[in-house]
Amino acid sequence: GAVFPTSSSTKINKHVGTRHRAALGLAEETDAICLVVSEETGNISFVQNGEIKRMNSISELRLVIENSYK
């Protein structure tokens, strides 16, 4: 298993789990784009530049990914 740096941001929702905190920490420290799938809900989040955006559909996710490379 890999251990990623978790974010210590105070802006993050207190109900967000370790997986999301690790993705946020990785996106804060690198230029990575992270996709996170909640184990509990199946919700997908897009993480880039220290910001988490919850995706409401696959179409929205596709659009955000495409726009992140422009």
PDB file of N, CA and C in Angstrom:
ATOM      1  N   GLY A   1       0.812  -1.176   0.000  1.00  0.00           N
ATOM      2  CA  GLY A   1       0.000   0.000   0.000  1.00  0.00           C
ATOM      3  C   GLY A   1       0.863   1.249   0.000  1.00  0.00           C
ATOM      4  N   ALA A   2       0.378   2.248  -0.668  1.00  0.00           N
ATOM      5  CA  ALA A   2       1.069   3.534  -0.722  1.00  0.00           C
ATOM      6  C   ALA A   2       0.475   4.482   0.307  1.00  0.00           C
ATOM      7  N   VAL A   3       1.315   5.325   0.839  1.00  0.00           N
ATOM      8  CA  VAL A   3       0.868   6.340   1.795  1.00  0.00           C
ATOM      9  C   VAL A   3       1.076   7.701   1.146  1.00  0.00           C
ATOM     10  N   PHE A   4      -0.002   8.449   0.997  1.00  0.00           N
ATOM     11  CA  PHE A   4       0.053   9.764   0.380  1.00  0.00           C
ATOM     12  C   PHE A   4      -0.082  10.847   1.449  1.00  0.00           C
ATOM     13  N   PRO A   5       0.442  12.033   1.168  1.00  0.00           N
ATOM     14  CA  PRO A   5       0.329  13.123   2.145  1.00  0.00           C
ATOM     15  C   PRO A   5      -1.120  13.574   2.246  1.00  0.00           C
ATOM     16  N   THR A   6      -1.672  13.627   3.446  1.00  0.00           N
ATOM     17  CA  THR A   6      -3.041  14.108   3.594  1.00  0.00           C
ATOM     18  C   THR A   6      -3.032  15.616   3.787  1.00  0.00           C
ATOM     19  N   SER A   7      -4.081  16.249   3.304  1.00  0.00           N
ATOM     20  CA  SER A   7      -4.193  17.696   3.401  1.00  0.00           C
ATOM     21  C   SER A   7      -4.522  18.107   4.829  1.00  0.00           C
ATOM     22  N   SER A   8      -3.968  19.212   5.239  1.00  0.00           N
ATOM     23  CA  SER A   8      -4.306  19.767   6.556  1.00  0.00           C
ATOM     24  C   SER A   8      -5.133  21.043   6.387  1.00  0.00           C
ATOM     25  N   SER A   9      -5.704  21.220   5.201  1.00  0.00           N
ATOM     26  CA  SER A   9      -6.506  22.398   4.900  1.00  0.00           C
ATOM     27  C   SER A   9      -7.697  22.490   5.848  1.00  0.00           C
ATOM     28  N   THR A  10      -7.966  23.678   6.311  1.00  0.00           N
ATOM     29  CA  THR A  10      -9.133  23.895   7.173  1.00  0.00           C
ATOM     30  C   THR A  10     -10.390  24.135   6.349  1.00  0.00           C
ATOM     31  N   LYS A  11     -10.234  24.279   5.018  1.00  0.00           N
ATOM     32  CA  LYS A  11     -11.380  24.513   4.139  1.00  0.00           C
ATOM     33  C   LYS A  11     -12.116  23.221   3.798  1.00  0.00           C
ATOM     34  N   ILE A  12     -11.489  22.077   4.032  1.00  0.00           N
ATOM     35  CA  ILE A  12     -12.087  20.805   3.648  1.00  0.00           C
ATOM     36  C   ILE A  12     -13.191  20.410   4.628  1.00  0.00           C
ATOM     37  N   ASN A  13     -14.249  19.843   4.095  1.00  0.00           N
ATOM     38  CA  ASN A  13     -15.387  19.392   4.895  1.00  0.00           C
ATOM     39  C   ASN A  13     -14.932  18.351   5.912  1.00  0.00           C
ATOM     40  N   LYS A  14     -15.404  18.458   7.136  1.00  0.00           N
ATOM     41  CA  LYS A  14     -14.997  17.532   8.202  1.00  0.00           C
ATOM     42  C   LYS A  14     -15.482  16.112   7.966  1.00  0.00           C
ATOM     43  N   HIS A  15     -16.462  15.950   7.088  1.00  0.00           N
ATOM     44  CA  HIS A  15     -17.001  14.618   6.807  1.00  0.00           C
ATOM     45  C   HIS A  15     -16.257  13.900   5.693  1.00  0.00           C
ATOM     46  N   VAL A  16     -15.256  14.556   5.112  1.00  0.00           N
ATOM     47  CA  VAL A  16     -14.473  13.958   4.024  1.00  0.00           C
ATOM     48  C   VAL A  16     -13.476  12.978   4.620  1.00  0.00           C
ATOM     49  N   GLY A  17     -13.371  11.817   3.993  1.00  0.00           N
ATOM     50  CA  GLY A  17     -12.516  10.768   4.520  1.00  0.00           C
ATOM     51  C   GLY A  17     -11.065  10.864   4.095  1.00  0.00           C
ATOM     52  N   THR A  18     -10.298   9.873   4.522  1.00  0.00           N
ATOM     53  CA  THR A  18      -8.864   9.830   4.287  1.00  0.00           C
ATOM     54  C   THR A  18      -8.522   9.785   2.802  1.00  0.00           C
ATOM     55  N   ARG A  19      -9.290   9.060   2.015  1.00  0.00           N
ATOM     56  CA  ARG A  19      -9.031   8.950   0.574  1.00  0.00           C
ATOM     57  C   ARG A  19      -9.088  10.323  -0.088  1.00  0.00           C
ATOM     58  N   HIS A  20     -10.103  11.113   0.262  1.00  0.00           N
ATOM     59  CA  HIS A  20     -10.248  12.456  -0.298  1.00  0.00           C
ATOM     60  C   HIS A  20      -9.164  13.397   0.231  1.00  0.00           C
ATOM     61  N   ARG A  21      -8.828  13.268   1.507  1.00  0.00           N
ATOM     62  CA  ARG A  21      -7.764  14.098   2.083  1.00  0.00           C
ATOM     63  C   ARG A  21      -6.414  13.797   1.431  1.00  0.00           C
ATOM     64  N   ALA A  22      -6.165  12.522   1.119  1.00  0.00           N
ATOM     65  CA  ALA A  22      -4.918  12.148   0.450  1.00  0.00           C
ATOM     66  C   ALA A  22      -4.889  12.700  -0.978  1.00  0.00           C
ATOM     67  N   ALA A  23      -6.011  12.627  -1.684  1.00  0.00           N
ATOM     68  CA  ALA A  23      -6.076  13.177  -3.045  1.00  0.00           C
ATOM     69  C   ALA A  23      -5.854  14.679  -3.014  1.00  0.00           C
ATOM     70  N   LEU A  24      -6.463  15.349  -2.049  1.00  0.00           N
ATOM     71  CA  LEU A  24      -6.283  16.789  -1.926  1.00  0.00           C
ATOM     72  C   LEU A  24      -4.831  17.122  -1.596  1.00  0.00           C
ATOM     73  N   GLY A  25      -4.232  16.375  -0.677  1.00  0.00           N
ATOM     74  CA  GLY A  25      -2.828  16.591  -0.318  1.00  0.00           C
ATOM     75  C   GLY A  25      -1.906  16.395  -1.511  1.00  0.00           C
ATOM     76  N   LEU A  26      -2.164  15.376  -2.296  1.00  0.00           N
ATOM     77  CA  LEU A  26      -1.366  15.111  -3.499  1.00  0.00           C
ATOM     78  C   LEU A  26      -1.519  16.247  -4.510  1.00  0.00           C
ATOM     79  N   ALA A  27      -2.746  16.727  -4.688  1.00  0.00           N
ATOM     80  CA  ALA A  27      -3.000  17.814  -5.637  1.00  0.00           C
ATOM     81  C   ALA A  27      -2.465  19.150  -5.134  1.00  0.00           C
ATOM     82  N   GLU A  28      -2.312  19.297  -3.825  1.00  0.00           N
ATOM     83  CA  GLU A  28      -1.718  20.516  -3.272  1.00  0.00           C
ATOM     84  C   GLU A  28      -0.211  20.550  -3.482  1.00  0.00           C
ATOM     85  N   GLU A  29       0.416  19.389  -3.421  1.00  0.00           N
ATOM     86  CA  GLU A  29       1.881  19.308  -3.469  1.00  0.00           C
ATOM     87  C   GLU A  29       2.449  19.030  -4.857  1.00  0.00           C
ATOM     88  N   THR A  30       1.591  18.640  -5.809  1.00  0.00           N
ATOM     89  CA  THR A  30       2.061  18.317  -7.158  1.00  0.00           C
ATOM     90  C   THR A  30       1.119  18.935  -8.189  1.00  0.00           C
ATOM     91  N   ASP A  31       1.409  18.690  -9.452  1.00  0.00           N
ATOM     92  CA  ASP A  31       0.509  19.154 -10.506  1.00  0.00           C
ATOM     93  C   ASP A  31      -0.436  18.041 -10.950  1.00  0.00           C
ATOM     94  N   ALA A  32      -0.617  17.040 -10.096  1.00  0.00           N
ATOM     95  CA  ALA A  32      -1.455  15.892 -10.424  1.00  0.00           C
ATOM     96  C   ALA A  32      -2.934  16.246 -10.446  1.00  0.00           C
ATOM     97  N   ILE A  33      -3.661  15.516 -11.254  1.00  0.00           N
ATOM     98  CA  ILE A  33      -5.115  15.520 -11.237  1.00  0.00           C
ATOM     99  C   ILE A  33      -5.510  14.198 -10.584  1.00  0.00           C
ATOM    100  N   CYS A  34      -6.376  14.257  -9.598  1.00  0.00           N
ATOM    101  CA  CYS A  34      -6.792  13.050  -8.889  1.00  0.00           C
ATOM    102  C   CYS A  34      -8.290  12.836  -9.061  1.00  0.00           C
ATOM    103  N   LEU A  35      -8.672  11.619  -9.293  1.00  0.00           N
ATOM    104  CA  LEU A  35     -10.076  11.225  -9.314  1.00  0.00           C
ATOM    105  C   LEU A  35     -10.297  10.331  -8.115  1.00  0.00           C
ATOM    106  N   VAL A  36     -11.318  10.642  -7.332  1.00  0.00           N
ATOM    107  CA  VAL A  36     -11.589   9.894  -6.111  1.00  0.00           C
ATOM    108  C   VAL A  36     -13.006   9.349  -6.180  1.00  0.00           C
ATOM    109  N   VAL A  37     -13.153   8.072  -5.878  1.00  0.00           N
ATOM    110  CA  VAL A  37     -14.473   7.456  -5.826  1.00  0.00           C
ATOM    111  C   VAL A  37     -14.750   7.087  -4.375  1.00  0.00           C
ATOM    112  N   SER A  38     -15.849   7.612  -3.850  1.00  0.00           N
ATOM    113  CA  SER A  38     -16.232   7.317  -2.476  1.00  0.00           C
ATOM    114  C   SER A  38     -16.631   5.854  -2.359  1.00  0.00           C
ATOM    115  N   GLU A  39     -16.042   5.182  -1.412  1.00  0.00           N
ATOM    116  CA  GLU A  39     -16.373   3.781  -1.181  1.00  0.00           C
ATOM    117  C   GLU A  39     -17.800   3.647  -0.650  1.00  0.00           C
ATOM    118  N   GLU A  40     -18.238   4.629   0.118  1.00  0.00           N
ATOM    119  CA  GLU A  40     -19.568   4.577   0.736  1.00  0.00           C
ATOM    120  C   GLU A  40     -20.695   4.940  -0.228  1.00  0.00           C
ATOM    121  N   THR A  41     -20.496   5.996  -1.023  1.00  0.00           N
ATOM    122  CA  THR A  41     -21.587   6.517  -1.857  1.00  0.00           C
ATOM    123  C   THR A  41     -21.407   6.261  -3.347  1.00  0.00           C
ATOM    124  N   GLY A  42     -20.181   6.010  -3.782  1.00  0.00           N
ATOM    125  CA  GLY A  42     -19.896   5.854  -5.198  1.00  0.00           C
ATOM    126  C   GLY A  42     -19.739   7.184  -5.911  1.00  0.00           C
ATOM    127  N   ASN A  43     -19.852   8.305  -5.171  1.00  0.00           N
ATOM    128  CA  ASN A  43     -19.677   9.625  -5.765  1.00  0.00           C
ATOM    129  C   ASN A  43     -18.251   9.808  -6.246  1.00  0.00           C
ATOM    130  N   ILE A  44     -18.096  10.517  -7.365  1.00  0.00           N
ATOM    131  CA  ILE A  44     -16.784  10.774  -7.952  1.00  0.00           C
ATOM    132  C   ILE A  44     -16.422  12.233  -7.725  1.00  0.00           C
ATOM    133  N   SER A  45     -15.192  12.462  -7.294  1.00  0.00           N
ATOM    134  CA  SER A  45     -14.687  13.820  -7.106  1.00  0.00           C
ATOM    135  C   SER A  45     -13.451  14.018  -7.968  1.00  0.00           C
ATOM    136  N   PHE A  46     -13.321  15.226  -8.498  1.00  0.00           N
ATOM    137  CA  PHE A  46     -12.182  15.635  -9.305  1.00  0.00           C
ATOM    138  C   PHE A  46     -11.365  16.582  -8.438  1.00  0.00           C
ATOM    139  N   VAL A  47     -10.069  16.308  -8.303  1.00  0.00           N
ATOM    140  CA  VAL A  47      -9.214  17.116  -7.440  1.00  0.00           C
ATOM    141  C   VAL A  47      -8.039  17.650  -8.257  1.00  0.00           C
ATOM    142  N   GLN A  48      -7.866  18.974  -8.224  1.00  0.00           N
ATOM    143  CA  GLN A  48      -6.765  19.617  -8.941  1.00  0.00           C
ATOM    144  C   GLN A  48      -6.447  20.938  -8.258  1.00  0.00           C
ATOM    145  N   ASN A  49      -5.168  21.258  -8.184  1.00  0.00           N
ATOM    146  CA  ASN A  49      -4.715  22.525  -7.599  1.00  0.00           C
ATOM    147  C   ASN A  49      -5.289  22.779  -6.206  1.00  0.00           C
ATOM    148  N   GLY A  50      -5.403  21.734  -5.429  1.00  0.00           N
ATOM    149  CA  GLY A  50      -5.870  21.885  -4.057  1.00  0.00           C
ATOM    150  C   GLY A  50      -7.352  22.120  -3.901  1.00  0.00           C
ATOM    151  N   GLU A  51      -8.142  21.805  -4.929  1.00  0.00           N
ATOM    152  CA  GLU A  51      -9.583  21.974  -4.854  1.00  0.00           C
ATOM    153  C   GLU A  51     -10.297  20.689  -5.234  1.00  0.00           C
ATOM    154  N   ILE A  52     -11.351  20.374  -4.469  1.00  0.00           N
ATOM    155  CA  ILE A  52     -12.168  19.193  -4.743  1.00  0.00           C
ATOM    156  C   ILE A  52     -13.486  19.647  -5.363  1.00  0.00           C
ATOM    157  N   LYS A  53     -13.857  18.976  -6.468  1.00  0.00           N
ATOM    158  CA  LYS A  53     -15.137  19.257  -7.115  1.00  0.00           C
ATOM    159  C   LYS A  53     -15.888  17.943  -7.240  1.00  0.00           C
ATOM    160  N   ARG A  54     -17.052  17.857  -6.629  1.00  0.00           N
ATOM    161  CA  ARG A  54     -17.864  16.654  -6.748  1.00  0.00           C
ATOM    162  C   ARG A  54     -18.564  16.655  -8.102  1.00  0.00           C
ATOM    163  N   MET A  55     -18.463  15.551  -8.804  1.00  0.00           N
ATOM    164  CA  MET A  55     -19.050  15.423 -10.131  1.00  0.00           C
ATOM    165  C   MET A  55     -20.469  14.862 -10.008  1.00  0.00           C
ATOM    166  N   ASN A  56     -21.378  15.431 -10.777  1.00  0.00           N
ATOM    167  CA  ASN A  56     -22.773  14.997 -10.733  1.00  0.00           C
ATOM    168  C   ASN A  56     -23.116  14.000 -11.828  1.00  0.00           C
ATOM    169  N   SER A  57     -22.211  13.862 -12.810  1.00  0.00           N
ATOM    170  CA  SER A  57     -22.457  12.914 -13.899  1.00  0.00           C
ATOM    171  C   SER A  57     -21.133  12.592 -14.593  1.00  0.00           C
ATOM    172  N   ILE A  58     -21.154  11.539 -15.363  1.00  0.00           N
ATOM    173  CA  ILE A  58     -19.982  11.172 -16.152  1.00  0.00           C
ATOM    174  C   ILE A  58     -19.705  12.247 -17.201  1.00  0.00           C
ATOM    175  N   SER A  59     -20.765  12.833 -17.753  1.00  0.00           N
ATOM    176  CA  SER A  59     -20.593  13.906 -18.741  1.00  0.00           C
ATOM    177  C   SER A  59     -19.875  15.099 -18.129  1.00  0.00           C
ATOM    178  N   GLU A  60     -20.244  15.453 -16.901  1.00  0.00           N
ATOM    179  CA  GLU A  60     -19.571  16.565 -16.217  1.00  0.00           C
ATOM    180  C   GLU A  60     -18.110  16.225 -15.962  1.00  0.00           C
ATOM    181  N   LEU A  61     -17.834  15.003 -15.542  1.00  0.00           N
ATOM    182  CA  LEU A  61     -16.462  14.572 -15.302  1.00  0.00           C
ATOM    183  C   LEU A  61     -15.649  14.649 -16.593  1.00  0.00           C
ATOM    184  N   ARG A  62     -16.194  14.160 -17.678  1.00  0.00           N
ATOM    185  CA  ARG A  62     -15.504  14.193 -18.971  1.00  0.00           C
ATOM    186  C   ARG A  62     -15.169  15.632 -19.361  1.00  0.00           C
ATOM    187  N   LEU A  63     -16.122  16.540 -19.194  1.00  0.00           N
ATOM    188  CA  LEU A  63     -15.922  17.939 -19.534  1.00  0.00           C
ATOM    189  C   LEU A  63     -14.830  18.583 -18.672  1.00  0.00           C
ATOM    190  N   VAL A  64     -14.843  18.295 -17.372  1.00  0.00           N
ATOM    191  CA  VAL A  64     -13.835  18.859 -16.463  1.00  0.00           C
ATOM    192  C   VAL A  64     -12.442  18.334 -16.814  1.00  0.00           C
ATOM    193  N   ILE A  65     -12.353  17.056 -17.134  1.00  0.00           N
ATOM    194  CA  ILE A  65     -11.052  16.479 -17.517  1.00  0.00           C
ATOM    195  C   ILE A  65     -10.558  17.112 -18.819  1.00  0.00           C
ATOM    196  N   GLU A  66     -11.433  17.210 -19.809  1.00  0.00           N
ATOM    197  CA  GLU A  66     -11.042  17.816 -21.081  1.00  0.00           C
ATOM    198  C   GLU A  66     -10.597  19.261 -20.896  1.00  0.00           C
ATOM    199  N   ASN A  67     -11.315  20.022 -20.084  1.00  0.00           N
ATOM    200  CA  ASN A  67     -10.974  21.432 -19.856  1.00  0.00           C
ATOM    201  C   ASN A  67      -9.708  21.610 -19.031  1.00  0.00           C
ATOM    202  N   SER A  68      -9.335  20.619 -18.257  1.00  0.00           N
ATOM    203  CA  SER A  68      -8.139  20.737 -17.433  1.00  0.00           C
ATOM    204  C   SER A  68      -6.855  20.669 -18.265  1.00  0.00           C
ATOM    205  N   TYR A  69      -6.968  20.210 -19.491  1.00  0.00           N
ATOM    206  CA  TYR A  69      -5.800  20.111 -20.372  1.00  0.00           C
ATOM    207  C   TYR A  69      -5.707  21.253 -21.376  1.00  0.00           C
ATOM    208  N   LYS A  70      -6.564  22.236 -21.261  1.00  0.00           N
ATOM    209  CA  LYS A  70      -6.538  23.362 -22.195  1.00  0.00           C
ATOM    210  C   LYS A  70      -5.681  24.476 -21.665  1.00  0.00           C
TER     211      LYS A  70
END
